[in-house]
Amino acid sequence: MIITCSPLRISLAGGGTDLPSYYQDHSGFLIAAAIDKYVYVNLHVTFDQKLIIKYSKMEVVQEIDEVKHPIIREALKFVGIGKPHLEITSMADIPSGTGLGSSGSFTTALLIRIKAISSILKNLPSRPATSKLSVWESPSGSRTNISPHTAASPVSVSSRMGG
């Protein structure tokens, strides 16, 4: 599981000039600052070849083209994810539509995480094979069972068979 957060922003000057309805006819200019409120995106590699998306709605689809959320659909296409063994959940400290740049923050967090996990997703088989668990021993001596799907962890873990 990987969780990313991206800050929301307040406009100090030029609010609204970054909207197409304004900048297509006039030049846009915006000064903004990040605040201590965030959009969070959680990605989790699943065992099934499906895409589970949770935001203000929930979607469960087999193919990326079936995704109704336009930012998620286009981000997955942009990065080139083919097999959607993935669950995406988004949350925010403040609701959407407040003018605090939640769409931009969401897109940034989503792209960062999808890009980071894309090589894992691209190399997943159509149907994950079952295999034995490995045992990881930490420097302190504690042991943890690790499945092959733990590779999605943001922490690099070297495993060895316990004996």
N, C-alpha and C. Protein backbone atom coordinates (compact mmCIF):
# COMPACT_ATOMS: atom_id res chain seq x y z
N MET A 1 0.84 -1.16 0.00
CA MET A 1 0.00 0.00 0.00
C MET A 1 0.89 1.23 0.00
N ILE A 2 0.55 2.17 -0.83
CA ILE A 2 1.32 3.40 -0.94
C ILE A 2 0.35 4.56 -0.79
N ILE A 3 0.65 5.49 0.11
CA ILE A 3 -0.19 6.66 0.30
C ILE A 3 0.63 7.90 -0.03
N THR A 4 0.05 8.77 -0.82
CA THR A 4 0.71 10.02 -1.20
C THR A 4 -0.20 11.17 -0.84
N CYS A 5 0.37 12.29 -0.42
CA CYS A 5 -0.45 13.47 -0.19
C CYS A 5 0.13 14.63 -0.99
N SER A 6 -0.74 15.51 -1.37
CA SER A 6 -0.36 16.69 -2.14
C SER A 6 -1.11 17.88 -1.53
N PRO A 7 -0.41 19.00 -1.30
CA PRO A 7 -1.07 20.11 -0.61
C PRO A 7 -2.09 20.84 -1.46
N LEU A 8 -3.09 21.35 -0.79
CA LEU A 8 -4.06 22.25 -1.43
C LEU A 8 -3.45 23.65 -1.44
N ARG A 9 -4.11 24.58 -2.11
CA ARG A 9 -3.53 25.92 -2.23
C ARG A 9 -4.58 27.00 -2.06
N ILE A 10 -4.11 28.17 -1.71
CA ILE A 10 -4.98 29.34 -1.71
C ILE A 10 -4.43 30.31 -2.75
N SER A 11 -5.33 30.98 -3.42
CA SER A 11 -4.93 31.97 -4.42
C SER A 11 -4.73 33.31 -3.73
N LEU A 12 -3.56 33.87 -3.89
CA LEU A 12 -3.27 35.18 -3.32
C LEU A 12 -3.65 36.30 -4.27
N ALA A 13 -3.57 36.01 -5.57
CA ALA A 13 -3.94 37.00 -6.60
C ALA A 13 -4.27 36.26 -7.88
N GLY A 14 -5.19 36.79 -8.63
CA GLY A 14 -5.50 36.23 -9.94
C GLY A 14 -6.41 35.02 -9.92
N GLY A 15 -7.10 34.79 -8.81
CA GLY A 15 -8.01 33.64 -8.73
C GLY A 15 -9.01 33.66 -9.87
N GLY A 16 -9.17 32.55 -10.53
CA GLY A 16 -10.10 32.44 -11.66
C GLY A 16 -9.44 32.70 -13.00
N THR A 17 -8.28 33.32 -13.03
CA THR A 17 -7.62 33.57 -14.31
C THR A 17 -6.96 32.31 -14.86
N ASP A 18 -6.95 31.23 -14.05
CA ASP A 18 -6.40 29.96 -14.51
C ASP A 18 -7.48 29.07 -15.11
N LEU A 19 -8.70 29.57 -15.21
CA LEU A 19 -9.80 28.82 -15.81
C LEU A 19 -9.86 29.10 -17.31
N PRO A 20 -10.11 28.06 -18.12
CA PRO A 20 -10.16 28.26 -19.58
C PRO A 20 -11.13 29.34 -20.03
N SER A 21 -12.26 29.48 -19.33
CA SER A 21 -13.24 30.49 -19.72
C SER A 21 -12.66 31.90 -19.63
N TYR A 22 -11.62 32.09 -18.82
CA TYR A 22 -10.98 33.40 -18.71
C TYR A 22 -9.73 33.49 -19.57
N TYR A 23 -8.79 32.55 -19.41
CA TYR A 23 -7.50 32.71 -20.07
C TYR A 23 -7.54 32.49 -21.58
N GLN A 24 -8.62 31.91 -22.12
CA GLN A 24 -8.72 31.77 -23.58
C GLN A 24 -8.96 33.12 -24.25
N ASP A 25 -9.59 34.04 -23.54
CA ASP A 25 -9.83 35.38 -24.09
C ASP A 25 -8.88 36.42 -23.53
N HIS A 26 -8.32 36.18 -22.37
CA HIS A 26 -7.41 37.12 -21.70
C HIS A 26 -6.20 36.33 -21.22
N SER A 27 -5.14 37.01 -20.91
CA SER A 27 -4.01 36.28 -20.35
C SER A 27 -4.29 35.97 -18.88
N GLY A 28 -3.77 34.85 -18.42
CA GLY A 28 -3.97 34.46 -17.03
C GLY A 28 -2.74 34.76 -16.20
N PHE A 29 -2.95 34.99 -14.93
CA PHE A 29 -1.86 35.24 -14.00
C PHE A 29 -2.35 34.85 -12.62
N LEU A 30 -1.59 34.02 -11.93
CA LEU A 30 -2.04 33.51 -10.66
C LEU A 30 -0.86 33.41 -9.69
N ILE A 31 -1.05 33.89 -8.50
CA ILE A 31 -0.07 33.70 -7.43
C ILE A 31 -0.79 32.90 -6.35
N ALA A 32 -0.19 31.76 -5.99
CA ALA A 32 -0.84 30.87 -5.02
C ALA A 32 0.20 30.38 -4.01
N ALA A 33 -0.29 29.88 -2.89
CA ALA A 33 0.58 29.31 -1.86
C ALA A 33 -0.04 28.02 -1.35
N ALA A 34 0.81 27.03 -1.08
CA ALA A 34 0.34 25.77 -0.52
C ALA A 34 -0.07 25.99 0.94
N ILE A 35 -1.06 25.23 1.37
CA ILE A 35 -1.51 25.30 2.76
C ILE A 35 -1.34 23.92 3.42
N ASP A 36 -1.63 23.84 4.68
CA ASP A 36 -1.44 22.59 5.41
C ASP A 36 -2.67 21.69 5.39
N LYS A 37 -3.39 21.67 4.29
CA LYS A 37 -4.52 20.77 4.04
C LYS A 37 -4.17 19.99 2.77
N TYR A 38 -4.52 18.71 2.75
CA TYR A 38 -4.01 17.84 1.70
C TYR A 38 -5.07 16.99 1.02
N VAL A 39 -4.74 16.52 -0.19
CA VAL A 39 -5.45 15.47 -0.88
C VAL A 39 -4.59 14.23 -0.74
N TYR A 40 -5.20 13.10 -0.38
CA TYR A 40 -4.47 11.84 -0.18
C TYR A 40 -4.90 10.84 -1.24
N VAL A 41 -3.94 10.14 -1.80
CA VAL A 41 -4.22 9.08 -2.76
C VAL A 41 -3.54 7.82 -2.26
N ASN A 42 -4.31 6.76 -2.15
CA ASN A 42 -3.83 5.47 -1.68
C ASN A 42 -3.91 4.49 -2.84
N LEU A 43 -2.82 3.83 -3.17
CA LEU A 43 -2.81 2.79 -4.19
C LEU A 43 -2.45 1.47 -3.56
N HIS A 44 -3.15 0.45 -3.97
CA HIS A 44 -2.92 -0.89 -3.43
C HIS A 44 -3.01 -1.88 -4.58
N VAL A 45 -1.99 -2.71 -4.76
CA VAL A 45 -2.02 -3.74 -5.79
C VAL A 45 -2.93 -4.86 -5.30
N THR A 46 -3.89 -5.26 -6.15
CA THR A 46 -4.85 -6.30 -5.78
C THR A 46 -4.44 -7.63 -6.40
N PHE A 47 -5.09 -8.69 -5.96
CA PHE A 47 -4.81 -10.02 -6.49
C PHE A 47 -5.62 -10.29 -7.76
N ASP A 48 -6.73 -9.62 -7.93
CA ASP A 48 -7.59 -9.80 -9.10
C ASP A 48 -7.29 -8.76 -10.15
N GLN A 49 -7.51 -9.15 -11.41
CA GLN A 49 -7.30 -8.20 -12.49
C GLN A 49 -8.56 -7.34 -12.65
N LYS A 50 -8.64 -6.35 -11.77
CA LYS A 50 -9.73 -5.38 -11.86
C LYS A 50 -9.23 -4.08 -11.24
N LEU A 51 -9.98 -3.06 -11.47
CA LEU A 51 -9.64 -1.74 -10.96
C LEU A 51 -10.76 -1.30 -10.04
N ILE A 52 -10.41 -1.04 -8.79
CA ILE A 52 -11.38 -0.59 -7.79
C ILE A 52 -11.02 0.87 -7.48
N ILE A 53 -11.97 1.77 -7.66
CA ILE A 53 -11.71 3.19 -7.47
C ILE A 53 -12.72 3.72 -6.46
N LYS A 54 -12.20 4.36 -5.41
CA LYS A 54 -13.07 4.92 -4.37
C LYS A 54 -12.76 6.40 -4.22
N TYR A 55 -13.74 7.21 -4.49
CA TYR A 55 -13.69 8.66 -4.26
C TYR A 55 -15.07 9.02 -3.76
N SER A 56 -15.69 10.09 -4.18
CA SER A 56 -17.05 10.36 -3.72
C SER A 56 -18.02 9.31 -4.26
N LYS A 57 -17.57 8.52 -5.23
CA LYS A 57 -18.30 7.38 -5.77
C LYS A 57 -17.38 6.17 -5.70
N MET A 58 -17.91 5.01 -6.06
CA MET A 58 -17.09 3.81 -6.13
C MET A 58 -17.28 3.16 -7.49
N GLU A 59 -16.17 2.80 -8.12
CA GLU A 59 -16.20 2.13 -9.41
C GLU A 59 -15.41 0.83 -9.30
N VAL A 60 -15.94 -0.23 -9.91
CA VAL A 60 -15.21 -1.49 -10.04
C VAL A 60 -15.32 -1.87 -11.52
N VAL A 61 -14.19 -1.86 -12.21
CA VAL A 61 -14.18 -2.12 -13.65
C VAL A 61 -13.07 -3.11 -14.00
N GLN A 62 -13.19 -3.70 -15.18
CA GLN A 62 -12.19 -4.64 -15.67
C GLN A 62 -11.15 -3.96 -16.56
N GLU A 63 -11.55 -2.92 -17.26
CA GLU A 63 -10.68 -2.24 -18.22
C GLU A 63 -10.60 -0.75 -17.90
N ILE A 64 -9.46 -0.17 -18.18
CA ILE A 64 -9.24 1.25 -17.91
C ILE A 64 -10.22 2.13 -18.67
N ASP A 65 -10.57 1.75 -19.90
CA ASP A 65 -11.51 2.55 -20.70
C ASP A 65 -12.90 2.62 -20.07
N GLU A 66 -13.21 1.72 -19.14
CA GLU A 66 -14.52 1.72 -18.47
C GLU A 66 -14.59 2.72 -17.31
N VAL A 67 -13.44 3.27 -16.88
CA VAL A 67 -13.40 4.18 -15.74
C VAL A 67 -14.14 5.47 -16.09
N LYS A 68 -15.06 5.88 -15.23
CA LYS A 68 -15.84 7.10 -15.46
C LYS A 68 -15.11 8.35 -14.99
N HIS A 69 -14.27 8.23 -13.97
CA HIS A 69 -13.53 9.39 -13.44
C HIS A 69 -12.48 9.80 -14.47
N PRO A 70 -12.64 10.97 -15.12
CA PRO A 70 -11.75 11.32 -16.23
C PRO A 70 -10.28 11.48 -15.86
N ILE A 71 -9.98 12.01 -14.69
CA ILE A 71 -8.57 12.21 -14.31
C ILE A 71 -7.89 10.86 -14.09
N ILE A 72 -8.56 9.95 -13.40
CA ILE A 72 -7.99 8.63 -13.14
C ILE A 72 -7.81 7.86 -14.45
N ARG A 73 -8.84 7.86 -15.28
CA ARG A 73 -8.78 7.13 -16.56
C ARG A 73 -7.61 7.62 -17.41
N GLU A 74 -7.50 8.94 -17.56
CA GLU A 74 -6.45 9.48 -18.42
C GLU A 74 -5.06 9.35 -17.81
N ALA A 75 -4.96 9.41 -16.47
CA ALA A 75 -3.66 9.22 -15.82
C ALA A 75 -3.16 7.79 -16.03
N LEU A 76 -4.05 6.81 -15.90
CA LEU A 76 -3.66 5.41 -16.12
C LEU A 76 -3.24 5.19 -17.57
N LYS A 77 -3.96 5.80 -18.51
CA LYS A 77 -3.58 5.70 -19.92
C LYS A 77 -2.25 6.39 -20.18
N PHE A 78 -2.06 7.56 -19.61
CA PHE A 78 -0.85 8.35 -19.81
C PHE A 78 0.39 7.57 -19.36
N VAL A 79 0.30 6.91 -18.21
CA VAL A 79 1.43 6.16 -17.69
C VAL A 79 1.58 4.82 -18.42
N GLY A 80 0.53 4.35 -19.07
CA GLY A 80 0.62 3.12 -19.84
C GLY A 80 0.33 1.86 -19.05
N ILE A 81 -0.55 1.96 -18.06
CA ILE A 81 -0.93 0.78 -17.29
C ILE A 81 -1.88 -0.04 -18.15
N GLY A 82 -1.57 -1.32 -18.31
CA GLY A 82 -2.42 -2.18 -19.13
C GLY A 82 -3.31 -3.09 -18.30
N LYS A 83 -2.74 -3.72 -17.29
CA LYS A 83 -3.47 -4.67 -16.45
C LYS A 83 -3.79 -3.99 -15.12
N PRO A 84 -5.05 -3.69 -14.89
CA PRO A 84 -5.39 -2.90 -13.71
C PRO A 84 -5.55 -3.68 -12.41
N HIS A 85 -4.52 -4.33 -11.94
CA HIS A 85 -4.55 -5.00 -10.63
C HIS A 85 -4.38 -3.93 -9.56
N LEU A 86 -5.37 -3.07 -9.39
CA LEU A 86 -5.13 -1.90 -8.57
C LEU A 86 -6.40 -1.41 -7.88
N GLU A 87 -6.22 -0.93 -6.65
CA GLU A 87 -7.28 -0.24 -5.92
C GLU A 87 -6.77 1.18 -5.66
N ILE A 88 -7.56 2.15 -6.05
CA ILE A 88 -7.21 3.56 -5.85
C ILE A 88 -8.27 4.19 -4.96
N THR A 89 -7.82 4.82 -3.88
CA THR A 89 -8.73 5.50 -2.96
C THR A 89 -8.24 6.92 -2.80
N SER A 90 -9.15 7.89 -2.87
CA SER A 90 -8.74 9.28 -2.62
C SER A 90 -9.57 9.87 -1.49
N MET A 91 -8.92 10.71 -0.71
CA MET A 91 -9.54 11.40 0.41
C MET A 91 -8.95 12.81 0.43
N ALA A 92 -9.61 13.73 1.11
CA ALA A 92 -9.07 15.08 1.23
C ALA A 92 -9.48 15.69 2.57
N ASP A 93 -8.67 16.62 3.01
CA ASP A 93 -8.98 17.34 4.25
C ASP A 93 -10.14 18.31 4.06
N ILE A 94 -10.38 18.72 2.82
CA ILE A 94 -11.42 19.70 2.50
C ILE A 94 -12.19 19.18 1.29
N PRO A 95 -13.51 19.37 1.21
CA PRO A 95 -14.27 18.86 0.07
C PRO A 95 -13.90 19.53 -1.25
N SER A 96 -14.18 18.84 -2.35
CA SER A 96 -13.91 19.41 -3.68
C SER A 96 -14.84 20.60 -3.92
N GLY A 97 -14.46 21.42 -4.87
CA GLY A 97 -15.28 22.58 -5.23
C GLY A 97 -15.06 23.79 -4.36
N THR A 98 -14.03 23.79 -3.51
CA THR A 98 -13.76 24.92 -2.62
C THR A 98 -12.88 25.99 -3.26
N GLY A 99 -12.32 25.68 -4.45
CA GLY A 99 -11.42 26.63 -5.08
C GLY A 99 -10.00 26.55 -4.55
N LEU A 100 -9.69 25.46 -3.85
CA LEU A 100 -8.35 25.31 -3.27
C LEU A 100 -7.44 24.40 -4.09
N GLY A 101 -7.80 24.17 -5.34
CA GLY A 101 -6.94 23.40 -6.23
C GLY A 101 -6.94 21.91 -5.98
N SER A 102 -8.07 21.36 -5.53
CA SER A 102 -8.10 19.93 -5.20
C SER A 102 -7.90 19.05 -6.43
N SER A 103 -8.39 19.45 -7.58
CA SER A 103 -8.20 18.63 -8.79
C SER A 103 -6.72 18.56 -9.16
N GLY A 104 -6.03 19.67 -9.11
CA GLY A 104 -4.61 19.68 -9.41
C GLY A 104 -3.80 18.90 -8.40
N SER A 105 -4.15 19.04 -7.12
CA SER A 105 -3.45 18.29 -6.07
C SER A 105 -3.71 16.79 -6.22
N PHE A 106 -4.95 16.43 -6.53
CA PHE A 106 -5.29 15.03 -6.74
C PHE A 106 -4.52 14.46 -7.93
N THR A 107 -4.49 15.19 -9.03
CA THR A 107 -3.79 14.73 -10.22
C THR A 107 -2.30 14.54 -9.95
N THR A 108 -1.70 15.46 -9.24
CA THR A 108 -0.27 15.37 -8.91
C THR A 108 0.01 14.13 -8.07
N ALA A 109 -0.75 13.94 -7.00
CA ALA A 109 -0.54 12.79 -6.12
C ALA A 109 -0.78 11.47 -6.87
N LEU A 110 -1.81 11.43 -7.69
CA LEU A 110 -2.13 10.23 -8.44
C LEU A 110 -1.03 9.88 -9.42
N LEU A 111 -0.56 10.85 -10.20
CA LEU A 111 0.48 10.58 -11.18
C LEU A 111 1.79 10.14 -10.53
N ILE A 112 2.14 10.76 -9.42
CA ILE A 112 3.37 10.38 -8.72
C ILE A 112 3.30 8.91 -8.30
N ARG A 113 2.18 8.49 -7.72
CA ARG A 113 2.05 7.12 -7.24
C ARG A 113 1.92 6.12 -8.37
N ILE A 114 1.14 6.45 -9.40
CA ILE A 114 0.99 5.52 -10.52
C ILE A 114 2.33 5.33 -11.21
N LYS A 115 3.06 6.40 -11.39
CA LYS A 115 4.37 6.29 -12.04
C LYS A 115 5.31 5.42 -11.21
N ALA A 116 5.29 5.59 -9.89
CA ALA A 116 6.16 4.82 -9.02
C ALA A 116 5.82 3.34 -9.03
N ILE A 117 4.57 3.00 -9.21
CA ILE A 117 4.15 1.61 -9.12
C ILE A 117 3.95 0.98 -10.51
N SER A 118 4.12 1.76 -11.57
CA SER A 118 3.81 1.28 -12.92
C SER A 118 4.64 0.08 -13.34
N SER A 119 5.91 0.03 -12.99
CA SER A 119 6.72 -1.13 -13.40
C SER A 119 6.22 -2.40 -12.74
N ILE A 120 5.75 -2.31 -11.51
CA ILE A 120 5.20 -3.49 -10.83
C ILE A 120 3.91 -3.93 -11.54
N LEU A 121 3.05 -2.98 -11.85
CA LEU A 121 1.78 -3.31 -12.50
C LEU A 121 1.99 -3.86 -13.90
N LYS A 122 2.95 -3.32 -14.64
CA LYS A 122 3.20 -3.77 -16.01
C LYS A 122 3.74 -5.20 -16.04
N ASN A 123 4.39 -5.64 -14.97
CA ASN A 123 4.99 -6.96 -14.94
C ASN A 123 4.13 -8.02 -14.25
N LEU A 124 2.94 -7.66 -13.80
CA LEU A 124 2.06 -8.65 -13.17
C LEU A 124 1.51 -9.59 -14.23
N PRO A 125 1.41 -10.88 -13.93
CA PRO A 125 0.79 -11.81 -14.88
C PRO A 125 -0.71 -11.55 -14.93
N SER A 126 -1.36 -12.05 -15.98
CA SER A 126 -2.81 -11.88 -16.10
C SER A 126 -3.51 -12.47 -14.90
N ARG A 127 -3.00 -13.56 -14.39
CA ARG A 127 -3.56 -14.20 -13.20
C ARG A 127 -2.39 -14.49 -12.28
N PRO A 128 -2.31 -13.81 -11.14
CA PRO A 128 -1.16 -14.01 -10.26
C PRO A 128 -0.99 -15.47 -9.86
N ALA A 129 0.24 -15.94 -9.97
CA ALA A 129 0.55 -17.32 -9.60
C ALA A 129 0.62 -17.43 -8.08
N THR A 130 0.24 -18.58 -7.59
CA THR A 130 0.38 -18.80 -6.15
C THR A 130 1.79 -19.32 -5.90
N SER A 131 2.37 -18.90 -4.81
CA SER A 131 3.71 -19.35 -4.48
C SER A 131 3.86 -19.36 -2.97
N LYS A 132 4.95 -19.98 -2.50
CA LYS A 132 5.20 -20.05 -1.08
C LYS A 132 5.54 -18.67 -0.53
N LEU A 133 5.27 -18.48 0.73
CA LEU A 133 5.63 -17.25 1.40
C LEU A 133 7.11 -17.25 1.73
N SER A 134 7.72 -16.10 1.66
CA SER A 134 9.09 -15.94 2.11
C SER A 134 9.04 -15.43 3.54
N VAL A 135 10.13 -15.55 4.25
CA VAL A 135 10.20 -15.02 5.59
C VAL A 135 11.28 -13.96 5.61
N TRP A 136 10.94 -12.78 6.08
CA TRP A 136 11.90 -11.69 6.18
C TRP A 136 12.27 -11.51 7.64
N GLU A 137 13.55 -11.45 7.90
CA GLU A 137 14.03 -11.25 9.26
C GLU A 137 14.62 -9.85 9.35
N SER A 138 14.07 -9.05 10.26
CA SER A 138 14.55 -7.68 10.43
C SER A 138 15.87 -7.69 11.19
N PRO A 139 16.61 -6.58 11.16
CA PRO A 139 17.86 -6.50 11.92
C PRO A 139 17.67 -6.79 13.41
N SER A 140 16.48 -6.53 13.94
CA SER A 140 16.24 -6.79 15.37
C SER A 140 15.91 -8.25 15.65
N GLY A 141 15.74 -9.05 14.58
CA GLY A 141 15.48 -10.47 14.76
C GLY A 141 14.03 -10.88 14.60
N SER A 142 13.09 -9.91 14.46
CA SER A 142 11.68 -10.29 14.29
C SER A 142 11.48 -10.79 12.86
N ARG A 143 10.54 -11.72 12.69
CA ARG A 143 10.29 -12.30 11.37
C ARG A 143 8.89 -11.94 10.89
N THR A 144 8.76 -11.75 9.58
CA THR A 144 7.49 -11.40 8.98
C THR A 144 7.30 -12.24 7.72
N ASN A 145 6.11 -12.82 7.55
CA ASN A 145 5.80 -13.52 6.31
C ASN A 145 5.55 -12.48 5.23
N ILE A 146 6.09 -12.72 4.05
CA ILE A 146 5.95 -11.78 2.95
C ILE A 146 5.44 -12.53 1.73
N SER A 147 4.33 -12.08 1.16
CA SER A 147 3.83 -12.70 -0.06
C SER A 147 4.52 -12.04 -1.25
N PRO A 148 4.43 -12.65 -2.43
CA PRO A 148 5.05 -12.04 -3.61
C PRO A 148 4.46 -10.66 -3.92
N HIS A 149 3.24 -10.40 -3.45
CA HIS A 149 2.58 -9.13 -3.74
C HIS A 149 3.06 -8.01 -2.84
N THR A 150 3.90 -8.30 -1.88
CA THR A 150 4.45 -7.27 -1.01
C THR A 150 5.42 -6.39 -1.78
N ALA A 151 5.76 -6.78 -3.00
CA ALA A 151 6.69 -6.00 -3.81
C ALA A 151 6.19 -4.58 -4.04
N ALA A 152 4.90 -4.34 -3.84
CA ALA A 152 4.35 -3.01 -4.04
C ALA A 152 4.65 -2.08 -2.88
N SER A 153 5.29 -2.61 -1.85
CA SER A 153 5.60 -1.80 -0.68
C SER A 153 6.55 -0.67 -1.02
N PRO A 154 6.35 0.54 -0.45
CA PRO A 154 7.23 1.65 -0.74
C PRO A 154 8.61 1.45 -0.12
N VAL A 155 8.75 0.50 0.77
CA VAL A 155 10.02 0.23 1.43
C VAL A 155 10.68 -0.93 0.72
N SER A 156 11.94 -0.80 0.40
CA SER A 156 12.67 -1.89 -0.22
C SER A 156 12.97 -2.94 0.85
N VAL A 157 12.48 -4.14 0.65
CA VAL A 157 12.64 -5.21 1.63
C VAL A 157 13.40 -6.34 0.96
N SER A 158 14.50 -6.77 1.56
CA SER A 158 15.18 -7.95 1.04
C SER A 158 14.71 -9.13 1.85
N SER A 159 14.33 -10.20 1.17
CA SER A 159 13.81 -11.35 1.89
C SER A 159 14.80 -12.49 1.80
N ARG A 160 14.76 -13.36 2.79
CA ARG A 160 15.55 -14.58 2.77
C ARG A 160 14.75 -15.66 3.47
N MET A 161 14.99 -16.86 3.10
CA MET A 161 14.26 -17.97 3.72
C MET A 161 14.77 -18.19 5.14
N GLY A 162 13.83 -18.29 6.06
CA GLY A 162 14.21 -18.52 7.47
C GLY A 162 14.63 -19.97 7.67
N GLY A 163 15.46 -20.20 8.65
CA GLY A 163 15.91 -21.58 8.83
C GLY A 163 16.06 -21.97 10.25
